[in-house]
Amino acid sequence: MARLLSIDYGKKRTGIAVSDPLQIIANGLTTVETTGLFDFLSEYLRKEEVSCIVVGLPRQMNNELSENMKRVEPFVNRLRKLYPAIPVEYFDERFTSKMAHQTMIDGGLKKKERQNKALVDEISATIILQGYMESKRMKR
């Protein structure tokens, strides 16, 4: 089975997570500068089989799309054009940054380590992917 890949798209940095080949567990992969994201994806997708790309859907508390959707939508459109054989799906990313911070606290990271925004983005991508996989399992 192929992996799932999750993207927490940001203006400066983008967190990336992947599933194991059996699509059971989500693991943080890395955080890349957004300007180099397509180069990273090209290299990764050349090496690994990915059956779906999950992109965090930026919503506000009132369920409306957030300001970041202006950047996310063109990114997803380009992604779909470059990789038409790989489905791209959105998954609600609300609260992922807060959950990522709580995960870091629960994991015993010191305050200085918790200020690492790249790590927060990677953990957020992992939370998005784990939530996506759980929602798919619940639908079965």
N, C-alpha and C. Protein backbone atom coordinates (compact mmCIF):
# COMPACT_ATOMS: atom_id res chain seq x y z
N MET A 1 0.84 -1.18 0.00
CA MET A 1 0.00 0.00 0.00
C MET A 1 0.89 1.25 0.00
N ALA A 2 0.41 2.27 -0.63
CA ALA A 2 1.19 3.51 -0.71
C ALA A 2 0.94 4.38 0.53
N ARG A 3 1.84 5.30 0.74
CA ARG A 3 1.73 6.22 1.87
C ARG A 3 0.73 7.33 1.59
N LEU A 4 0.29 7.98 2.66
CA LEU A 4 -0.45 9.23 2.58
C LEU A 4 0.53 10.33 2.97
N LEU A 5 0.39 11.50 2.38
CA LEU A 5 1.26 12.62 2.71
C LEU A 5 0.38 13.80 3.12
N SER A 6 0.76 14.46 4.19
CA SER A 6 -0.02 15.58 4.71
C SER A 6 0.82 16.85 4.66
N ILE A 7 0.14 17.96 4.36
CA ILE A 7 0.81 19.24 4.24
C ILE A 7 0.08 20.28 5.09
N ASP A 8 0.83 20.91 5.99
CA ASP A 8 0.33 22.06 6.74
C ASP A 8 0.98 23.28 6.11
N TYR A 9 0.28 23.84 5.11
CA TYR A 9 0.85 24.90 4.27
C TYR A 9 0.88 26.22 5.00
N GLY A 10 2.03 26.86 4.97
CA GLY A 10 2.17 28.16 5.61
C GLY A 10 2.85 29.16 4.69
N LYS A 11 2.75 30.42 5.05
CA LYS A 11 3.33 31.49 4.24
C LYS A 11 4.85 31.35 4.15
N LYS A 12 5.50 31.05 5.28
CA LYS A 12 6.96 30.93 5.32
C LYS A 12 7.44 29.48 5.33
N ARG A 13 6.80 28.67 6.16
CA ARG A 13 7.21 27.28 6.35
C ARG A 13 6.02 26.35 6.13
N THR A 14 6.31 25.13 5.72
CA THR A 14 5.27 24.14 5.51
C THR A 14 5.68 22.85 6.21
N GLY A 15 4.79 22.39 7.08
CA GLY A 15 5.01 21.12 7.77
C GLY A 15 4.54 19.96 6.92
N ILE A 16 5.29 18.88 6.98
CA ILE A 16 4.96 17.70 6.17
C ILE A 16 5.00 16.46 7.06
N ALA A 17 3.98 15.62 6.88
CA ALA A 17 3.92 14.34 7.59
C ALA A 17 3.55 13.25 6.59
N VAL A 18 3.89 12.03 6.93
CA VAL A 18 3.54 10.89 6.07
C VAL A 18 3.03 9.75 6.94
N SER A 19 2.28 8.89 6.31
CA SER A 19 1.83 7.68 7.00
C SER A 19 2.84 6.56 6.74
N ASP A 20 2.70 5.51 7.51
CA ASP A 20 3.45 4.29 7.19
C ASP A 20 2.77 3.68 5.96
N PRO A 21 3.42 2.70 5.30
CA PRO A 21 2.82 2.12 4.09
C PRO A 21 1.45 1.46 4.32
N LEU A 22 1.16 1.03 5.55
CA LEU A 22 -0.15 0.43 5.83
C LEU A 22 -1.21 1.47 6.18
N GLN A 23 -0.82 2.73 6.23
CA GLN A 23 -1.70 3.86 6.52
C GLN A 23 -2.38 3.74 7.88
N ILE A 24 -1.56 3.39 8.88
CA ILE A 24 -2.08 3.25 10.25
C ILE A 24 -1.62 4.41 11.12
N ILE A 25 -0.34 4.77 11.02
CA ILE A 25 0.26 5.78 11.88
C ILE A 25 0.79 6.95 11.05
N ALA A 26 0.55 8.16 11.54
CA ALA A 26 1.11 9.36 10.91
C ALA A 26 2.40 9.72 11.63
N ASN A 27 3.41 10.08 10.88
CA ASN A 27 4.70 10.50 11.43
C ASN A 27 5.12 11.82 10.80
N GLY A 28 5.65 12.71 11.63
CA GLY A 28 6.20 13.94 11.10
C GLY A 28 7.38 13.62 10.21
N LEU A 29 7.47 14.27 9.08
CA LEU A 29 8.58 14.03 8.16
C LEU A 29 9.59 15.18 8.25
N THR A 30 9.11 16.41 8.04
CA THR A 30 10.02 17.55 8.05
C THR A 30 9.21 18.84 7.96
N THR A 31 9.91 19.93 8.01
CA THR A 31 9.36 21.24 7.70
C THR A 31 10.28 21.85 6.65
N VAL A 32 9.69 22.39 5.60
CA VAL A 32 10.50 23.00 4.54
C VAL A 32 10.07 24.45 4.36
N GLU A 33 10.99 25.26 3.85
CA GLU A 33 10.64 26.62 3.48
C GLU A 33 9.61 26.51 2.35
N THR A 34 8.55 27.27 2.44
CA THR A 34 7.47 27.17 1.45
C THR A 34 7.98 27.44 0.04
N THR A 35 8.97 28.31 -0.09
CA THR A 35 9.51 28.60 -1.42
C THR A 35 10.16 27.37 -2.07
N GLY A 36 10.60 26.42 -1.27
CA GLY A 36 11.23 25.20 -1.79
C GLY A 36 10.33 23.99 -1.73
N LEU A 37 9.04 24.20 -1.48
CA LEU A 37 8.12 23.07 -1.27
C LEU A 37 7.97 22.18 -2.50
N PHE A 38 7.81 22.77 -3.67
CA PHE A 38 7.62 21.93 -4.86
C PHE A 38 8.88 21.14 -5.20
N ASP A 39 10.05 21.70 -4.96
CA ASP A 39 11.29 20.94 -5.16
C ASP A 39 11.34 19.74 -4.21
N PHE A 40 10.97 19.98 -2.95
CA PHE A 40 10.97 18.90 -1.97
C PHE A 40 9.98 17.81 -2.39
N LEU A 41 8.76 18.22 -2.77
CA LEU A 41 7.73 17.24 -3.15
C LEU A 41 8.15 16.44 -4.37
N SER A 42 8.75 17.10 -5.34
CA SER A 42 9.21 16.42 -6.54
C SER A 42 10.20 15.30 -6.18
N GLU A 43 11.15 15.63 -5.33
CA GLU A 43 12.16 14.65 -4.90
C GLU A 43 11.51 13.52 -4.09
N TYR A 44 10.63 13.87 -3.16
CA TYR A 44 10.00 12.85 -2.31
C TYR A 44 9.11 11.92 -3.14
N LEU A 45 8.30 12.49 -4.03
CA LEU A 45 7.37 11.68 -4.81
C LEU A 45 8.09 10.82 -5.85
N ARG A 46 9.32 11.18 -6.17
CA ARG A 46 10.13 10.35 -7.07
C ARG A 46 10.58 9.07 -6.34
N LYS A 47 10.78 9.18 -5.03
CA LYS A 47 11.29 8.05 -4.23
C LYS A 47 10.20 7.20 -3.60
N GLU A 48 9.09 7.83 -3.22
CA GLU A 48 8.05 7.15 -2.46
C GLU A 48 6.72 7.16 -3.21
N GLU A 49 5.99 6.07 -3.07
CA GLU A 49 4.65 5.99 -3.65
C GLU A 49 3.66 6.61 -2.67
N VAL A 50 2.90 7.57 -3.15
CA VAL A 50 1.91 8.27 -2.32
C VAL A 50 0.55 8.13 -2.99
N SER A 51 -0.44 7.65 -2.23
CA SER A 51 -1.77 7.43 -2.82
C SER A 51 -2.70 8.63 -2.67
N CYS A 52 -2.38 9.55 -1.76
CA CYS A 52 -3.22 10.73 -1.56
C CYS A 52 -2.41 11.79 -0.82
N ILE A 53 -2.64 13.04 -1.17
CA ILE A 53 -2.03 14.16 -0.46
C ILE A 53 -3.15 14.88 0.28
N VAL A 54 -2.96 15.07 1.58
CA VAL A 54 -3.96 15.72 2.42
C VAL A 54 -3.41 17.10 2.80
N VAL A 55 -4.19 18.13 2.50
CA VAL A 55 -3.77 19.50 2.77
C VAL A 55 -4.69 20.09 3.84
N GLY A 56 -4.08 20.71 4.83
CA GLY A 56 -4.86 21.34 5.89
C GLY A 56 -5.75 22.44 5.34
N LEU A 57 -7.04 22.36 5.66
CA LEU A 57 -8.02 23.36 5.23
C LEU A 57 -8.13 24.43 6.29
N PRO A 58 -7.70 25.65 5.97
CA PRO A 58 -7.70 26.71 6.98
C PRO A 58 -9.09 27.31 7.18
N ARG A 59 -9.68 27.02 8.33
CA ARG A 59 -11.00 27.55 8.68
C ARG A 59 -10.91 28.36 9.96
N GLN A 60 -11.84 29.31 10.09
CA GLN A 60 -11.95 30.08 11.31
C GLN A 60 -12.93 29.37 12.25
N MET A 61 -13.04 29.90 13.45
CA MET A 61 -13.92 29.31 14.45
C MET A 61 -15.38 29.28 13.97
N ASN A 62 -15.79 30.27 13.16
CA ASN A 62 -17.17 30.32 12.68
C ASN A 62 -17.39 29.45 11.44
N ASN A 63 -16.42 28.62 11.12
CA ASN A 63 -16.46 27.66 10.01
C ASN A 63 -16.21 28.30 8.64
N GLU A 64 -15.96 29.60 8.59
CA GLU A 64 -15.61 30.24 7.32
C GLU A 64 -14.14 30.01 7.02
N LEU A 65 -13.81 30.06 5.73
CA LEU A 65 -12.41 29.88 5.35
C LEU A 65 -11.60 31.05 5.86
N SER A 66 -10.38 30.78 6.28
CA SER A 66 -9.52 31.84 6.82
C SER A 66 -8.77 32.55 5.70
N GLU A 67 -8.08 33.61 6.09
CA GLU A 67 -7.29 34.42 5.17
C GLU A 67 -6.24 33.58 4.42
N ASN A 68 -5.71 32.56 5.07
CA ASN A 68 -4.65 31.73 4.47
C ASN A 68 -5.15 30.93 3.25
N MET A 69 -6.46 30.82 3.10
CA MET A 69 -6.99 30.06 1.96
C MET A 69 -6.59 30.71 0.64
N LYS A 70 -6.30 32.02 0.65
CA LYS A 70 -5.85 32.71 -0.56
C LYS A 70 -4.51 32.15 -1.05
N ARG A 71 -3.73 31.61 -0.14
CA ARG A 71 -2.44 31.01 -0.52
C ARG A 71 -2.58 29.50 -0.74
N VAL A 72 -3.43 28.87 0.04
CA VAL A 72 -3.58 27.41 -0.03
C VAL A 72 -4.23 26.97 -1.34
N GLU A 73 -5.27 27.66 -1.76
CA GLU A 73 -5.99 27.23 -2.96
C GLU A 73 -5.12 27.24 -4.22
N PRO A 74 -4.34 28.30 -4.51
CA PRO A 74 -3.46 28.25 -5.69
C PRO A 74 -2.40 27.14 -5.56
N PHE A 75 -1.92 26.91 -4.33
CA PHE A 75 -0.97 25.83 -4.12
C PHE A 75 -1.60 24.49 -4.48
N VAL A 76 -2.81 24.23 -4.00
CA VAL A 76 -3.49 22.96 -4.29
C VAL A 76 -3.77 22.83 -5.78
N ASN A 77 -4.18 23.91 -6.42
CA ASN A 77 -4.43 23.85 -7.87
C ASN A 77 -3.17 23.46 -8.63
N ARG A 78 -2.05 24.05 -8.26
CA ARG A 78 -0.78 23.71 -8.91
C ARG A 78 -0.38 22.27 -8.62
N LEU A 79 -0.59 21.84 -7.39
CA LEU A 79 -0.29 20.46 -7.00
C LEU A 79 -1.09 19.47 -7.85
N ARG A 80 -2.36 19.76 -8.04
CA ARG A 80 -3.23 18.87 -8.84
C ARG A 80 -2.79 18.84 -10.30
N LYS A 81 -2.30 19.97 -10.82
CA LYS A 81 -1.83 20.00 -12.21
C LYS A 81 -0.53 19.22 -12.37
N LEU A 82 0.38 19.37 -11.41
CA LEU A 82 1.68 18.69 -11.50
C LEU A 82 1.58 17.19 -11.26
N TYR A 83 0.64 16.77 -10.40
CA TYR A 83 0.51 15.35 -10.03
C TYR A 83 -0.94 14.90 -10.19
N PRO A 84 -1.42 14.86 -11.42
CA PRO A 84 -2.84 14.54 -11.64
C PRO A 84 -3.24 13.13 -11.20
N ALA A 85 -2.29 12.22 -11.10
CA ALA A 85 -2.61 10.84 -10.70
C ALA A 85 -2.76 10.69 -9.18
N ILE A 86 -2.39 11.72 -8.42
CA ILE A 86 -2.47 11.64 -6.96
C ILE A 86 -3.62 12.53 -6.48
N PRO A 87 -4.65 11.91 -5.88
CA PRO A 87 -5.75 12.74 -5.36
C PRO A 87 -5.25 13.69 -4.26
N VAL A 88 -5.81 14.89 -4.23
CA VAL A 88 -5.49 15.87 -3.19
C VAL A 88 -6.80 16.17 -2.46
N GLU A 89 -6.79 15.99 -1.15
CA GLU A 89 -7.98 16.23 -0.34
C GLU A 89 -7.66 17.24 0.75
N TYR A 90 -8.67 17.98 1.13
CA TYR A 90 -8.55 18.91 2.26
C TYR A 90 -9.01 18.22 3.54
N PHE A 91 -8.41 18.65 4.68
CA PHE A 91 -8.88 18.20 5.98
C PHE A 91 -8.76 19.38 6.95
N ASP A 92 -9.79 19.63 7.69
CA ASP A 92 -9.88 20.76 8.62
C ASP A 92 -8.64 20.82 9.52
N GLU A 93 -7.99 21.98 9.54
CA GLU A 93 -6.78 22.14 10.34
C GLU A 93 -6.99 22.98 11.59
N ARG A 94 -8.25 23.31 11.90
CA ARG A 94 -8.50 24.12 13.10
C ARG A 94 -7.93 23.43 14.33
N PHE A 95 -7.36 24.19 15.20
CA PHE A 95 -6.81 23.76 16.49
C PHE A 95 -5.52 22.96 16.38
N THR A 96 -5.01 22.69 15.18
CA THR A 96 -3.81 21.84 15.10
C THR A 96 -2.60 22.49 15.73
N SER A 97 -2.44 23.80 15.59
CA SER A 97 -1.28 24.45 16.23
C SER A 97 -1.38 24.37 17.74
N LYS A 98 -2.57 24.58 18.27
CA LYS A 98 -2.77 24.46 19.72
C LYS A 98 -2.51 23.03 20.18
N MET A 99 -3.01 22.06 19.42
CA MET A 99 -2.79 20.66 19.76
C MET A 99 -1.30 20.31 19.67
N ALA A 100 -0.61 20.89 18.69
CA ALA A 100 0.82 20.63 18.53
C ALA A 100 1.57 21.14 19.75
N HIS A 101 1.22 22.35 20.21
CA HIS A 101 1.87 22.89 21.41
C HIS A 101 1.61 22.01 22.62
N GLN A 102 0.37 21.54 22.76
CA GLN A 102 0.04 20.67 23.90
C GLN A 102 0.80 19.35 23.81
N THR A 103 0.95 18.83 22.60
CA THR A 103 1.73 17.59 22.40
C THR A 103 3.17 17.79 22.82
N MET A 104 3.72 18.96 22.52
CA MET A 104 5.10 19.26 22.91
C MET A 104 5.23 19.35 24.43
N ILE A 105 4.25 19.96 25.08
CA ILE A 105 4.25 20.04 26.54
C ILE A 105 4.15 18.64 27.13
N ASP A 106 3.19 17.86 26.62
CA ASP A 106 3.00 16.50 27.11
C ASP A 106 4.24 15.64 26.88
N GLY A 107 4.98 15.94 25.82
CA GLY A 107 6.19 15.20 25.51
C GLY A 107 7.39 15.65 26.33
N GLY A 108 7.19 16.66 27.16
CA GLY A 108 8.26 17.08 28.05
C GLY A 108 9.27 18.03 27.43
N LEU A 109 8.93 18.65 26.29
CA LEU A 109 9.87 19.58 25.68
C LEU A 109 9.96 20.86 26.51
N LYS A 110 11.15 21.35 26.63
CA LYS A 110 11.39 22.59 27.36
C LYS A 110 10.80 23.78 26.59
N LYS A 111 10.57 24.87 27.29
CA LYS A 111 9.95 26.05 26.69
C LYS A 111 10.69 26.50 25.44
N LYS A 112 12.00 26.52 25.49
CA LYS A 112 12.82 26.94 24.34
C LYS A 112 12.54 26.05 23.12
N GLU A 113 12.45 24.74 23.35
CA GLU A 113 12.18 23.80 22.25
C GLU A 113 10.77 23.98 21.70
N ARG A 114 9.83 24.35 22.56
CA ARG A 114 8.44 24.54 22.13
C ARG A 114 8.27 25.79 21.28
N GLN A 115 9.26 26.68 21.30
CA GLN A 115 9.21 27.90 20.49
C GLN A 115 9.70 27.66 19.06
N ASN A 116 10.11 26.45 18.77
CA ASN A 116 10.57 26.08 17.43
C ASN A 116 9.36 25.95 16.51
N LYS A 117 9.11 27.00 15.72
CA LYS A 117 7.91 27.03 14.87
C LYS A 117 7.94 25.94 13.80
N ALA A 118 9.11 25.56 13.34
CA ALA A 118 9.21 24.50 12.34
C ALA A 118 8.71 23.18 12.93
N LEU A 119 9.05 22.91 14.18
CA LEU A 119 8.57 21.69 14.83
C LEU A 119 7.06 21.73 15.02
N VAL A 120 6.52 22.90 15.36
CA VAL A 120 5.07 23.05 15.50
C VAL A 120 4.39 22.74 14.17
N ASP A 121 4.94 23.22 13.06
CA ASP A 121 4.36 22.97 11.74
C ASP A 121 4.39 21.48 11.38
N GLU A 122 5.49 20.83 11.70
CA GLU A 122 5.60 19.39 11.42
C GLU A 122 4.60 18.59 12.26
N ILE A 123 4.48 18.93 13.52
CA ILE A 123 3.53 18.23 14.39
C ILE A 123 2.10 18.51 13.93
N SER A 124 1.83 19.75 13.51
CA SER A 124 0.50 20.09 12.99
C SER A 124 0.16 19.24 11.77
N ALA A 125 1.10 19.06 10.87
CA ALA A 125 0.87 18.21 9.69
C ALA A 125 0.59 16.77 10.12
N THR A 126 1.26 16.32 11.16
CA THR A 126 1.04 14.96 11.68
C THR A 126 -0.37 14.83 12.25
N ILE A 127 -0.81 15.84 12.98
CA ILE A 127 -2.15 15.83 13.57
C ILE A 127 -3.22 15.86 12.46
N ILE A 128 -2.99 16.65 11.43
CA ILE A 128 -3.92 16.68 10.28
C ILE A 128 -4.03 15.29 9.67
N LEU A 129 -2.90 14.66 9.43
CA LEU A 129 -2.90 13.34 8.78
C LEU A 129 -3.53 12.28 9.67
N GLN A 130 -3.21 12.29 10.95
CA GLN A 130 -3.80 11.29 11.85
C GLN A 130 -5.32 11.47 11.91
N GLY A 131 -5.78 12.73 11.97
CA GLY A 131 -7.22 13.00 11.96
C GLY A 131 -7.89 12.53 10.68
N TYR A 132 -7.22 12.77 9.56
CA TYR A 132 -7.74 12.33 8.26
C TYR A 132 -7.88 10.80 8.24
N MET A 133 -6.84 10.10 8.67
CA MET A 133 -6.89 8.64 8.65
C MET A 133 -7.97 8.11 9.58
N GLU A 134 -8.12 8.71 10.75
CA GLU A 134 -9.16 8.27 11.68
C GLU A 134 -10.55 8.51 11.12
N SER A 135 -10.73 9.63 10.44
CA SER A 135 -12.06 9.91 9.86
C SER A 135 -12.38 8.90 8.76
N LYS A 136 -11.38 8.49 7.99
CA LYS A 136 -11.60 7.48 6.94
C LYS A 136 -11.95 6.12 7.55
N ARG A 137 -11.28 5.77 8.65
CA ARG A 137 -11.59 4.50 9.32
C ARG A 137 -13.00 4.50 9.88
N MET A 138 -13.43 5.62 10.43
CA MET A 138 -14.77 5.71 11.01
C MET A 138 -15.87 5.60 9.95
N LYS A 139 -15.57 6.02 8.73
CA LYS A 139 -16.54 5.95 7.64
C LYS A 139 -16.73 4.53 7.12
N ARG A 140 -15.74 3.68 7.38
CA ARG A 140 -15.82 2.30 6.86
C ARG A 140 -16.76 1.47 7.66
